[in-house]
Amino acid sequence: MIRQADPQKLVTKTCYAQYMEFLALCEEAGVEAFVDAADEEEHRWQKKCEIAQEAHEEAKRQWSESATLSVFESADCSGAEHPELAQSSSFDSSQEVPDGDAPLPPGAAAQPVFVRPRYSWTPKMRDIFQKLLDNLQEMVNISIRCSE
């Protein structure tokens, strides 16, 4: 008795190589399209980052000016309380210098932190990525069917 081959497996195995080549070409085209879409958005992302950087530098400058003013307003710079410090012209290395991690004086605001803008994908990029995932899933399904 001759065993009859399963037509679905036969078709899958005979068309496997050509279909996998087709899927590989589709994948390469999809990756190129994704790169092109990302390149189109690159200038917009760079502009967004430059604007955020400029805003951060401005906030940092304003913070340093306000911190300097608040220190001078809260301190008695006349030297009336400590005449020996007012007359001293040299720095004594035994004096403690405030650390950058020292607690802030009351009423002082924390230094602004730079927040990088989030780069979101465009709908076109999301669509291309979804097609790439579908293509990959099809390649996996074909491989599983051929290994049976």
Protein backbone atom coordinates (compact mmCIF):
# COMPACT_ATOMS: atom_id res chain seq x y z
CA MET A 1 0.00 0.00 0.00
CA ILE A 2 1.34 3.34 -1.01
CA ARG A 3 1.16 6.07 1.56
CA GLN A 4 -0.41 9.21 0.21
CA ALA A 5 1.34 12.50 0.99
CA ASP A 6 -0.57 15.26 2.67
CA PRO A 7 -1.19 17.89 -0.06
CA GLN A 8 -0.95 20.79 2.39
CA LYS A 9 2.49 19.67 3.61
CA LEU A 10 3.61 19.01 0.05
CA VAL A 11 2.60 22.50 -1.07
CA THR A 12 4.22 24.05 2.00
CA LYS A 13 7.51 22.20 1.43
CA THR A 14 7.68 22.89 -2.30
CA CYS A 15 6.84 26.57 -1.98
CA TYR A 16 8.77 27.06 1.27
CA ALA A 17 12.03 28.35 -0.22
CA GLN A 18 10.45 30.84 -2.62
CA TYR A 19 7.98 32.16 -0.05
CA MET A 20 10.68 32.59 2.58
CA GLU A 21 12.77 34.54 0.05
CA PHE A 22 9.74 36.73 -0.67
CA LEU A 23 9.20 37.34 3.04
CA ALA A 24 12.89 38.19 3.49
CA LEU A 25 12.65 40.74 0.67
CA CYS A 26 9.52 42.21 2.27
CA GLU A 27 11.38 42.47 5.56
CA GLU A 28 14.32 44.30 3.95
CA ALA A 29 11.93 46.71 2.21
CA GLY A 30 10.08 47.29 5.49
CA VAL A 31 13.28 48.05 7.39
CA GLU A 32 14.35 50.50 4.67
CA ALA A 33 10.93 52.19 4.80
CA PHE A 34 11.16 52.44 8.60
CA VAL A 35 14.63 54.01 8.38
CA ASP A 36 13.37 56.49 5.78
CA ALA A 37 10.42 57.42 8.00
CA ALA A 38 12.75 57.90 10.98
CA ASP A 39 15.08 60.07 8.89
CA GLU A 40 12.14 62.26 7.88
CA GLU A 41 11.36 62.91 11.55
CA GLU A 42 14.98 63.39 12.66
CA HIS A 43 15.06 67.16 12.09
CA ARG A 44 11.84 67.60 14.11
CA TRP A 45 13.30 65.56 16.98
CA GLN A 46 16.55 67.53 16.94
CA LYS A 47 14.63 70.82 16.99
CA LYS A 48 12.54 69.60 19.94
CA CYS A 49 15.70 68.64 21.84
CA GLU A 50 17.36 71.99 21.10
CA ILE A 51 14.31 73.86 22.35
CA ALA A 52 14.23 71.75 25.54
CA GLN A 53 17.97 72.32 26.08
CA GLU A 54 17.60 76.10 25.65
CA ALA A 55 14.64 76.17 28.04
CA HIS A 56 16.63 74.18 30.59
CA GLU A 57 19.65 76.49 30.30
CA GLU A 58 17.38 79.52 30.76
CA ALA A 59 15.71 77.96 33.81
CA LYS A 60 19.11 77.04 35.24
CA ARG A 61 20.39 80.59 34.68
CA GLN A 62 17.31 82.07 36.36
CA TRP A 63 17.66 79.60 39.22
CA SER A 64 21.32 80.49 39.78
CA GLU A 65 20.50 84.23 39.73
CA SER A 66 17.65 83.81 42.21
CA ALA A 67 19.76 81.51 44.42
CA THR A 68 22.58 84.06 44.44
CA LEU A 69 20.19 86.88 45.31
CA SER A 70 18.56 84.89 48.10
CA VAL A 71 21.96 84.06 49.61
CA PHE A 72 23.01 87.71 49.60
CA GLU A 73 19.67 88.86 50.98
CA SER A 74 19.74 86.32 53.81
CA ALA A 75 23.40 86.91 54.74
CA ASP A 76 24.78 89.94 56.50
CA CYS A 77 27.54 90.98 54.10
CA SER A 78 28.56 94.03 56.09
CA GLY A 79 30.79 92.01 58.42
CA ALA A 80 29.24 93.61 61.51
CA GLU A 81 28.70 90.29 63.27
CA HIS A 82 32.13 88.86 62.36
CA PRO A 83 34.69 91.62 61.93
CA GLU A 84 37.57 89.12 61.75
CA LEU A 85 36.04 87.59 58.60
CA ALA A 86 35.51 90.98 57.01
CA GLN A 87 39.19 91.88 57.51
CA SER A 88 40.49 88.54 56.30
CA SER A 89 41.61 88.69 52.68
CA SER A 90 42.85 85.12 52.31
CA PHE A 91 40.89 81.89 52.27
CA ASP A 92 41.42 79.60 55.24
CA SER A 93 41.51 75.98 54.07
CA SER A 94 40.33 74.78 57.46
CA GLN A 95 36.95 76.42 56.88
CA GLU A 96 34.27 74.06 55.63
CA VAL A 97 33.02 74.77 52.16
CA PRO A 98 29.36 73.93 51.57
CA ASP A 99 28.92 70.72 49.60
CA GLY A 100 26.78 70.58 46.45
CA ASP A 101 24.63 67.97 48.21
CA ALA A 102 24.12 70.16 51.28
CA PRO A 103 20.51 70.80 52.26
CA LEU A 104 18.92 73.86 50.72
CA PRO A 105 18.29 76.90 52.91
CA PRO A 106 14.63 77.54 53.71
CA GLY A 107 12.75 79.11 50.81
CA ALA A 108 15.31 78.07 48.20
CA ALA A 109 14.16 76.13 45.17
CA ALA A 110 15.93 73.04 43.87
CA GLN A 111 18.09 73.32 40.77
CA PRO A 112 16.08 72.57 37.61
CA VAL A 113 16.64 69.13 36.11
CA PHE A 114 16.93 68.64 32.36
CA VAL A 115 14.11 66.48 31.05
CA ARG A 116 14.75 64.99 27.63
CA PRO A 117 11.77 65.15 25.29
CA ARG A 118 10.15 61.83 24.45
CA TYR A 119 10.49 60.85 20.85
CA SER A 120 7.25 59.28 19.77
CA TRP A 121 6.76 57.31 16.59
CA THR A 122 4.55 58.69 13.87
CA PRO A 123 1.52 56.66 12.74
CA LYS A 124 3.45 55.83 9.57
CA MET A 125 6.32 54.37 11.62
CA ARG A 126 3.91 52.37 13.78
CA ASP A 127 2.19 50.97 10.67
CA ILE A 128 5.51 49.90 9.13
CA PHE A 129 6.59 48.29 12.39
CA GLN A 130 3.29 46.39 12.64
CA LYS A 131 3.78 45.09 9.09
CA LEU A 132 7.30 43.97 10.00
CA LEU A 133 5.92 42.08 13.00
CA ASP A 134 3.23 40.45 10.85
CA ASN A 135 5.89 39.45 8.34
CA LEU A 136 8.03 37.92 11.08
CA GLN A 137 5.05 35.99 12.46
CA GLU A 138 4.33 34.61 8.98
CA MET A 139 7.96 33.46 8.70
CA VAL A 140 7.69 31.71 12.05
CA ASN A 141 4.41 30.03 11.07
CA ILE A 142 5.89 28.75 7.79
CA SER A 143 8.95 27.41 9.62
CA ILE A 144 6.74 25.57 12.12
CA ARG A 145 4.58 24.07 9.36
CA CYS A 146 7.61 22.88 7.42
CA SER A 147 9.22 21.28 10.45
CA GLU A 148 6.14 19.08 11.08
